[in-house]
C-alpha atoms as a PDB file:
ATOM      1  CA  MET A   1     104.461  -5.084 199.834  1.00  0.00           C
ATOM      2  CA  SER A   2     107.377  -4.405 202.156  1.00  0.00           C
ATOM      3  CA  ARG A   3     107.162  -2.208 205.212  1.00  0.00           C
ATOM      4  CA  VAL A   4     109.210   0.676 203.838  1.00  0.00           C
ATOM      5  CA  CYS A   5     108.122   4.291 203.424  1.00  0.00           C
ATOM      6  CA  GLU A   6     108.048   5.167 199.718  1.00  0.00           C
ATOM      7  CA  VAL A   7     108.921   8.825 200.332  1.00  0.00           C
ATOM      8  CA  THR A   8     111.547   8.823 203.093  1.00  0.00           C
ATOM      9  CA  GLY A   9     112.810   5.234 202.869  1.00  0.00           C
ATOM     10  CA  LYS A  10     112.244   4.552 206.566  1.00  0.00           C
ATOM     11  CA  ARG A  11     112.353   0.846 207.386  1.00  0.00           C
ATOM     12  CA  PHE A  12     112.714  -1.526 210.312  1.00  0.00           C
ATOM     13  CA  GLY A  13     115.416  -0.827 212.882  1.00  0.00           C
ATOM     14  CA  LYS A  14     117.073  -3.477 215.006  1.00  0.00           C
ATOM     15  CA  GLY A  15     117.320  -3.546 218.767  1.00  0.00           C
ATOM     16  CA  ARG A  16     117.120  -5.654 221.894  1.00  0.00           C
ATOM     17  CA  THR A  17     114.844  -5.949 224.900  1.00  0.00           C
ATOM     18  CA  TYR A  18     116.441  -6.694 228.238  1.00  0.00           C
ATOM     19  CA  CYS A  19     115.078  -8.657 231.201  1.00  0.00           C
ATOM     20  CA  TYR A  20     116.162  -7.389 234.612  1.00  0.00           C
ATOM     21  CA  ARG A  21     116.161  -9.279 237.883  1.00  0.00           C
ATOM     22  CA  GLY A  22     117.103  -8.294 241.417  1.00  0.00           C
ATOM     23  CA  ILE A  23     116.309  -5.642 243.973  1.00  0.00           C
ATOM     24  CA  ALA A  24     117.232  -2.028 243.215  1.00  0.00           C
ATOM     25  CA  LYS A  25     120.025  -0.434 245.228  1.00  0.00           C
ATOM     26  CA  LYS A  26     117.727   2.291 246.523  1.00  0.00           C
ATOM     27  CA  LYS A  27     115.576  -0.489 248.021  1.00  0.00           C
ATOM     28  CA  LYS A  28     118.655  -1.853 249.875  1.00  0.00           C
ATOM     29  CA  GLY A  29     119.383  -4.555 247.309  1.00  0.00           C
ATOM     30  CA  ILE A  30     122.543  -5.298 245.375  1.00  0.00           C
ATOM     31  CA  GLY A  31     121.218  -3.844 242.142  1.00  0.00           C
ATOM     32  CA  LEU A  32     119.405  -4.917 239.022  1.00  0.00           C
ATOM     33  CA  ASN A  33     121.182  -7.331 236.712  1.00  0.00           C
ATOM     34  CA  ILE A  34     120.440  -8.133 233.086  1.00  0.00           C
ATOM     35  CA  THR A  35     119.483 -11.805 233.002  1.00  0.00           C
ATOM     36  CA  GLY A  36     118.428 -12.099 229.391  1.00  0.00           C
ATOM     37  CA  SER A  37     118.073 -10.236 226.134  1.00  0.00           C
ATOM     38  CA  SER A  38     116.042 -10.917 223.038  1.00  0.00           C
ATOM     39  CA  LYS A  39     116.007  -9.343 219.589  1.00  0.00           C
ATOM     40  CA  ARG A  40     113.244  -6.988 218.543  1.00  0.00           C
ATOM     41  CA  GLN A  41     112.379  -4.670 215.681  1.00  0.00           C
ATOM     42  CA  HIS A  42     111.549  -0.974 215.814  1.00  0.00           C
ATOM     43  CA  ARG A  43     108.732  -0.637 213.289  1.00  0.00           C
ATOM     44  CA  PRO A  44     108.148   2.553 211.298  1.00  0.00           C
ATOM     45  CA  ASN A  45     104.809   4.320 211.684  1.00  0.00           C
ATOM     46  CA  LEU A  46     103.408   3.514 208.207  1.00  0.00           C
ATOM     47  CA  PHE A  47     100.048   4.265 206.610  1.00  0.00           C
ATOM     48  CA  ASP A  48      98.455   3.303 203.288  1.00  0.00           C
ATOM     49  CA  GLN A  49      97.262   6.649 201.937  1.00  0.00           C
ATOM     50  CA  LYS A  50      95.295   7.751 198.910  1.00  0.00           C
ATOM     51  CA  ILE A  51      96.304  11.363 198.165  1.00  0.00           C
ATOM     52  CA  TRP A  52      94.778  13.629 195.516  1.00  0.00           C
ATOM     53  CA  SER A  53      97.282  15.047 193.017  1.00  0.00           C
ATOM     54  CA  PRO A  54      95.980  18.240 191.383  1.00  0.00           C
ATOM     55  CA  GLU A  55      98.669  18.112 188.703  1.00  0.00           C
ATOM     56  CA  LYS A  56      97.749  14.582 187.555  1.00  0.00           C
ATOM     57  CA  LYS A  57      94.045  15.044 188.419  1.00  0.00           C
ATOM     58  CA  GLN A  58      93.882  11.624 190.075  1.00  0.00           C
ATOM     59  CA  PHE A  59      94.464   9.881 193.371  1.00  0.00           C
ATOM     60  CA  VAL A  60      97.914   8.459 194.116  1.00  0.00           C
ATOM     61  CA  ARG A  61      98.319   5.465 196.438  1.00  0.00           C
ATOM     62  CA  LEU A  62     101.398   5.575 198.667  1.00  0.00           C
ATOM     63  CA  LYS A  63     102.682   3.709 201.709  1.00  0.00           C
ATOM     64  CA  VAL A  64     104.077   6.575 203.777  1.00  0.00           C
ATOM     65  CA  SER A  65     105.329   7.216 207.296  1.00  0.00           C
ATOM     66  CA  ALA A  66     103.957   9.900 209.590  1.00  0.00           C
ATOM     67  CA  HIS A  67     107.078  11.968 208.880  1.00  0.00           C
ATOM     68  CA  ALA A  68     106.437  11.697 205.123  1.00  0.00           C
ATOM     69  CA  LEU A  69     102.857  12.944 205.595  1.00  0.00           C
ATOM     70  CA  ARG A  70     104.269  16.080 207.237  1.00  0.00           C
ATOM     71  CA  ILE A  71     106.677  16.523 204.311  1.00  0.00           C
ATOM     72  CA  ILE A  72     103.781  16.182 201.845  1.00  0.00           C
ATOM     73  CA  ASP A  73     101.764  18.786 203.782  1.00  0.00           C
ATOM     74  CA  ARG A  74     104.718  21.173 203.762  1.00  0.00           C
ATOM     75  CA  VAL A  75     105.980  20.970 200.163  1.00  0.00           C
ATOM     76  CA  GLY A  76     103.017  19.433 198.332  1.00  0.00           C
ATOM     77  CA  ILE A  77     102.345  16.025 196.813  1.00  0.00           C
ATOM     78  CA  ASP A  78     103.327  17.032 193.270  1.00  0.00           C
ATOM     79  CA  SER A  79     106.849  18.124 194.225  1.00  0.00           C
ATOM     80  CA  VAL A  80     107.291  14.937 196.276  1.00  0.00           C
ATOM     81  CA  LEU A  81     106.178  12.795 193.306  1.00  0.00           C
ATOM     82  CA  ARG A  82     108.580  14.654 190.986  1.00  0.00           C
ATOM     83  CA  LYS A  83     111.457  14.061 193.391  1.00  0.00           C
ATOM     84  CA  MET A  84     110.544  10.361 193.658  1.00  0.00           C
ATOM     85  CA  ALA A  85     110.469  10.076 189.842  1.00  0.00           C
ATOM     86  CA  ARG A  86     113.920  11.692 189.596  1.00  0.00           C
ATOM     87  CA  GLN A  87     115.302   9.189 192.111  1.00  0.00           C
ATOM     88  CA  GLY A  88     113.789   6.307 190.161  1.00  0.00           C
ATOM     89  CA  ALA A  89     111.160   5.168 192.640  1.00  0.00           C
END
């Protein structure tokens, strides 16, 4: 199963990490210079959740982000599931 939120569609983001070398100017150096960079991924905060749906009278398994859990708390699991069904998920 991929690492994508089923409700919000959040997925990996791309970025870089930088390596610095040198002495900072405030410590009487000539400044910090970037000497290398490497690729990295910003991972979404995902959880495998089993949520009770009163409308279906059963548990629903979802892979959701922390943001999606807040959406489910606010509007309810049944309205989220209806919206997902309309979008074809």
